[in-house]
Amino acid sequence: MLIASLHQGISDLIPTRLEFYENWLHATGLRDGRIGLAPLAAVLSFLRQEGEPYELVTARAGQYAAQWMFDNLSPLQRSMIRSLPVALRARVAVQLTKRVIQRSYLGSRATSSLRKGQGTITMRTSIFCSVRAPLPRPLCGYYAAALERSLTLVSVNGKVAVRSCQGTGASSCVIALSVLPEQG
């Protein structure tokens, strides 16, 4: 899921660089699911060097991953989710995002909490944040964008922000969520 969503994000946002990135994200590997950790790490490293496109591409990739996860639910499941109260829909969005995290990189695991409209998703291992030296900006935009998109898909208004990031030297990546109170 991660590799396909990154490929699509690159194609959408920096299409002139797609041929370069397809050295690692090639069509055969995408189809067969045989693109390993080293090519993925190379793509992320090169993307970080691109500056702003890194943030745009990884955010778009997170949005695609969340959309694809939601689209894989049955029509009945989607309908049932949308009929739930706001608090339960927000929990569903968090759970969908945790699935995105789990399916994006096998080494990723996430824990979450959500109480009274305030929540977090915490990851101890992130493929995006595996860097040699801390960087000045968070690298977790993929996860934040996935949560934002999941909230939208289940019709919940909320604010999402990266609270901490391993890529900046923190011990874990934490994505914070605040469900906006003016919902019915």
Protein backbone atom coordinates (compact mmCIF):
# COMPACT_ATOMS: atom_id res chain seq x y z
CA MET A 1 0.00 0.00 0.00
CA LEU A 2 2.76 2.48 0.93
CA ILE A 3 4.76 1.91 -2.23
CA ALA A 4 1.73 2.21 -4.51
CA SER A 5 0.54 5.36 -2.74
CA LEU A 6 4.02 6.94 -2.91
CA HIS A 7 4.23 6.11 -6.61
CA GLN A 8 0.83 7.72 -7.20
CA GLY A 9 1.78 10.79 -5.13
CA ILE A 10 4.99 11.26 -7.10
CA SER A 11 3.10 10.81 -10.36
CA ASP A 12 0.53 13.45 -9.31
CA LEU A 13 2.82 16.07 -7.79
CA ILE A 14 6.26 15.76 -9.37
CA PRO A 15 5.62 13.89 -12.60
CA THR A 16 8.88 15.11 -14.14
CA ARG A 17 10.72 13.13 -11.42
CA LEU A 18 8.65 9.94 -11.80
CA GLU A 19 11.09 8.28 -14.18
CA PHE A 20 13.90 8.80 -11.64
CA TYR A 21 11.86 7.26 -8.81
CA GLU A 22 10.72 4.37 -10.98
CA ASN A 23 14.28 3.06 -10.77
CA TRP A 24 13.16 1.84 -7.33
CA LEU A 25 9.37 1.87 -7.64
CA HIS A 26 9.17 0.01 -10.93
CA ALA A 27 5.94 -1.35 -12.37
CA THR A 28 6.93 -5.02 -12.13
CA GLY A 29 7.79 -4.70 -8.45
CA LEU A 30 4.56 -2.80 -7.78
CA ARG A 31 2.48 -5.48 -9.50
CA ASP A 32 4.26 -8.38 -7.79
CA GLY A 33 4.64 -6.70 -4.40
CA ARG A 34 8.39 -7.35 -4.48
CA ILE A 35 9.82 -3.94 -3.68
CA GLY A 36 11.86 -4.30 -0.53
CA LEU A 37 12.97 -2.09 2.31
CA ALA A 38 16.19 -0.86 0.66
CA PRO A 39 14.48 0.59 -2.44
CA LEU A 40 11.78 2.14 -0.27
CA ALA A 41 14.38 3.71 2.02
CA ALA A 42 16.21 5.07 -1.05
CA VAL A 43 13.02 6.65 -2.39
CA LEU A 44 12.26 8.28 0.96
CA SER A 45 15.84 9.53 1.28
CA PHE A 46 15.81 11.08 -2.19
CA LEU A 47 12.36 12.55 -1.58
CA ARG A 48 13.59 14.23 1.63
CA GLN A 49 16.32 15.90 -0.42
CA GLU A 50 13.66 17.38 -2.73
CA GLY A 51 12.49 19.72 0.07
CA GLU A 52 8.82 20.73 -0.05
CA PRO A 53 7.84 17.97 -2.52
CA TYR A 54 8.67 15.41 0.22
CA GLU A 55 5.92 16.77 2.44
CA LEU A 56 3.45 17.12 -0.42
CA VAL A 57 4.10 13.63 -1.83
CA THR A 58 4.02 11.83 1.51
CA ALA A 59 0.84 13.65 2.53
CA ARG A 60 -0.82 12.74 -0.78
CA ALA A 61 0.35 9.15 -0.33
CA GLY A 62 -1.22 9.06 3.15
CA GLN A 63 -4.49 10.35 1.72
CA TYR A 64 -4.47 7.67 -0.98
CA ALA A 65 -3.69 4.91 1.53
CA ALA A 66 -6.58 5.96 3.79
CA GLN A 67 -8.93 6.21 0.82
CA TRP A 68 -7.96 2.75 -0.42
CA MET A 69 -8.37 1.29 3.08
CA PHE A 70 -11.86 2.80 3.34
CA ASP A 71 -12.78 1.75 -0.19
CA ASN A 72 -11.89 -1.86 0.70
CA LEU A 73 -14.69 -1.91 3.27
CA SER A 74 -17.98 -3.29 2.04
CA PRO A 75 -20.72 -0.80 1.14
CA LEU A 76 -22.66 -2.06 4.17
CA GLN A 77 -19.70 -1.40 6.50
CA ARG A 78 -19.23 2.12 5.10
CA SER A 79 -22.94 2.85 5.52
CA MET A 80 -22.98 1.52 9.08
CA ILE A 81 -19.91 3.58 10.00
CA ARG A 82 -21.47 6.76 8.66
CA SER A 83 -24.61 6.13 10.76
CA LEU A 84 -22.66 5.97 14.03
CA PRO A 85 -22.47 8.87 16.50
CA VAL A 86 -19.53 11.26 16.01
CA ALA A 87 -17.46 9.82 18.87
CA LEU A 88 -17.67 6.31 17.44
CA ARG A 89 -16.95 7.50 13.89
CA ALA A 90 -13.82 9.21 15.23
CA ARG A 91 -12.75 5.91 16.81
CA VAL A 92 -13.31 4.16 13.49
CA ALA A 93 -11.12 6.76 11.76
CA VAL A 94 -8.35 6.10 14.28
CA GLN A 95 -8.68 2.33 13.75
CA LEU A 96 -8.59 2.72 9.96
CA THR A 97 -5.44 4.83 10.29
CA LYS A 98 -3.84 2.21 12.51
CA ARG A 99 -4.53 -0.35 9.76
CA VAL A 100 -2.91 1.96 7.21
CA ILE A 101 0.15 2.20 9.47
CA GLN A 102 0.31 -1.56 9.93
CA ARG A 103 -0.06 -2.31 6.23
CA SER A 104 2.33 0.39 5.10
CA TYR A 105 5.41 -1.11 6.72
CA LEU A 106 5.55 -4.47 8.49
CA GLY A 107 7.73 -3.09 11.29
CA SER A 108 5.19 -0.39 12.20
CA ARG A 109 2.84 -0.77 15.10
CA ALA A 110 0.65 1.88 16.59
CA THR A 111 -1.20 2.44 19.82
CA SER A 112 -4.00 4.91 20.19
CA SER A 113 -6.16 6.68 22.69
CA LEU A 114 -9.25 8.82 22.18
CA ARG A 115 -11.23 10.36 25.03
CA LYS A 116 -13.63 13.27 25.02
CA GLY A 117 -12.65 14.28 21.51
CA GLN A 118 -8.89 14.33 22.18
CA GLY A 119 -6.66 11.54 20.96
CA THR A 120 -3.29 10.33 19.80
CA ILE A 121 -1.78 7.66 17.62
CA THR A 122 1.71 6.70 18.76
CA MET A 123 4.28 4.76 16.74
CA ARG A 124 7.59 3.48 18.08
CA THR A 125 8.90 2.58 14.61
CA SER A 126 8.36 4.57 11.43
CA ILE A 127 9.90 3.91 8.03
CA PHE A 128 9.59 7.63 7.30
CA CYS A 129 11.50 8.69 10.38
CA SER A 130 14.48 6.34 10.15
CA VAL A 131 17.20 8.94 9.60
CA ARG A 132 20.87 9.06 10.59
CA ALA A 133 20.67 12.48 12.21
CA PRO A 134 17.65 14.43 13.49
CA LEU A 135 16.04 16.79 11.02
CA PRO A 136 14.43 20.16 11.81
CA ARG A 137 10.97 19.21 10.51
CA PRO A 138 8.70 16.24 11.24
CA LEU A 139 8.63 13.43 8.69
CA CYS A 140 5.29 11.91 9.76
CA GLY A 141 3.07 13.75 7.29
CA TYR A 142 2.00 10.45 5.72
CA TYR A 143 0.36 9.34 8.96
CA ALA A 144 -1.20 12.72 9.74
CA ALA A 145 -2.65 12.92 6.22
CA ALA A 146 -4.00 9.37 6.51
CA LEU A 147 -5.78 10.28 9.75
CA GLU A 148 -7.16 13.51 8.27
CA ARG A 149 -8.50 11.64 5.26
CA SER A 150 -9.98 8.87 7.46
CA LEU A 151 -11.81 11.51 9.50
CA THR A 152 -13.20 13.08 6.34
CA LEU A 153 -14.32 9.70 5.01
CA VAL A 154 -16.33 9.00 8.16
CA SER A 155 -17.71 12.57 8.26
CA VAL A 156 -15.90 13.82 11.36
CA ASN A 157 -14.52 17.35 11.59
CA GLY A 158 -11.25 17.34 13.42
CA LYS A 159 -7.79 18.84 13.61
CA VAL A 160 -4.74 16.63 13.18
CA ALA A 161 -1.14 17.57 13.97
CA VAL A 162 2.21 15.86 14.38
CA ARG A 163 3.00 16.25 18.07
CA SER A 164 6.38 14.50 18.00
CA CYS A 165 8.52 12.72 15.43
CA GLN A 166 11.40 10.28 15.65
CA GLY A 167 12.91 12.01 12.63
CA THR A 168 13.41 15.13 14.74
CA GLY A 169 14.93 13.20 17.63
CA ALA A 170 11.83 12.28 19.66
CA SER A 171 11.48 8.79 21.09
CA SER A 172 8.25 8.13 19.17
CA CYS A 173 6.02 9.57 16.49
CA VAL A 174 2.79 10.96 17.91
CA ILE A 175 -0.09 12.19 15.78
CA ALA A 176 -2.61 14.23 17.80
CA LEU A 177 -6.32 14.52 17.04
CA SER A 178 -8.91 16.98 18.28
CA VAL A 179 -12.50 16.33 17.24
CA LEU A 180 -14.22 19.66 16.72
CA PRO A 181 -17.23 20.05 19.04
CA GLU A 182 -19.71 21.69 16.63
CA GLN A 183 -20.85 18.40 15.09
CA GLY A 184 -24.21 16.75 15.15
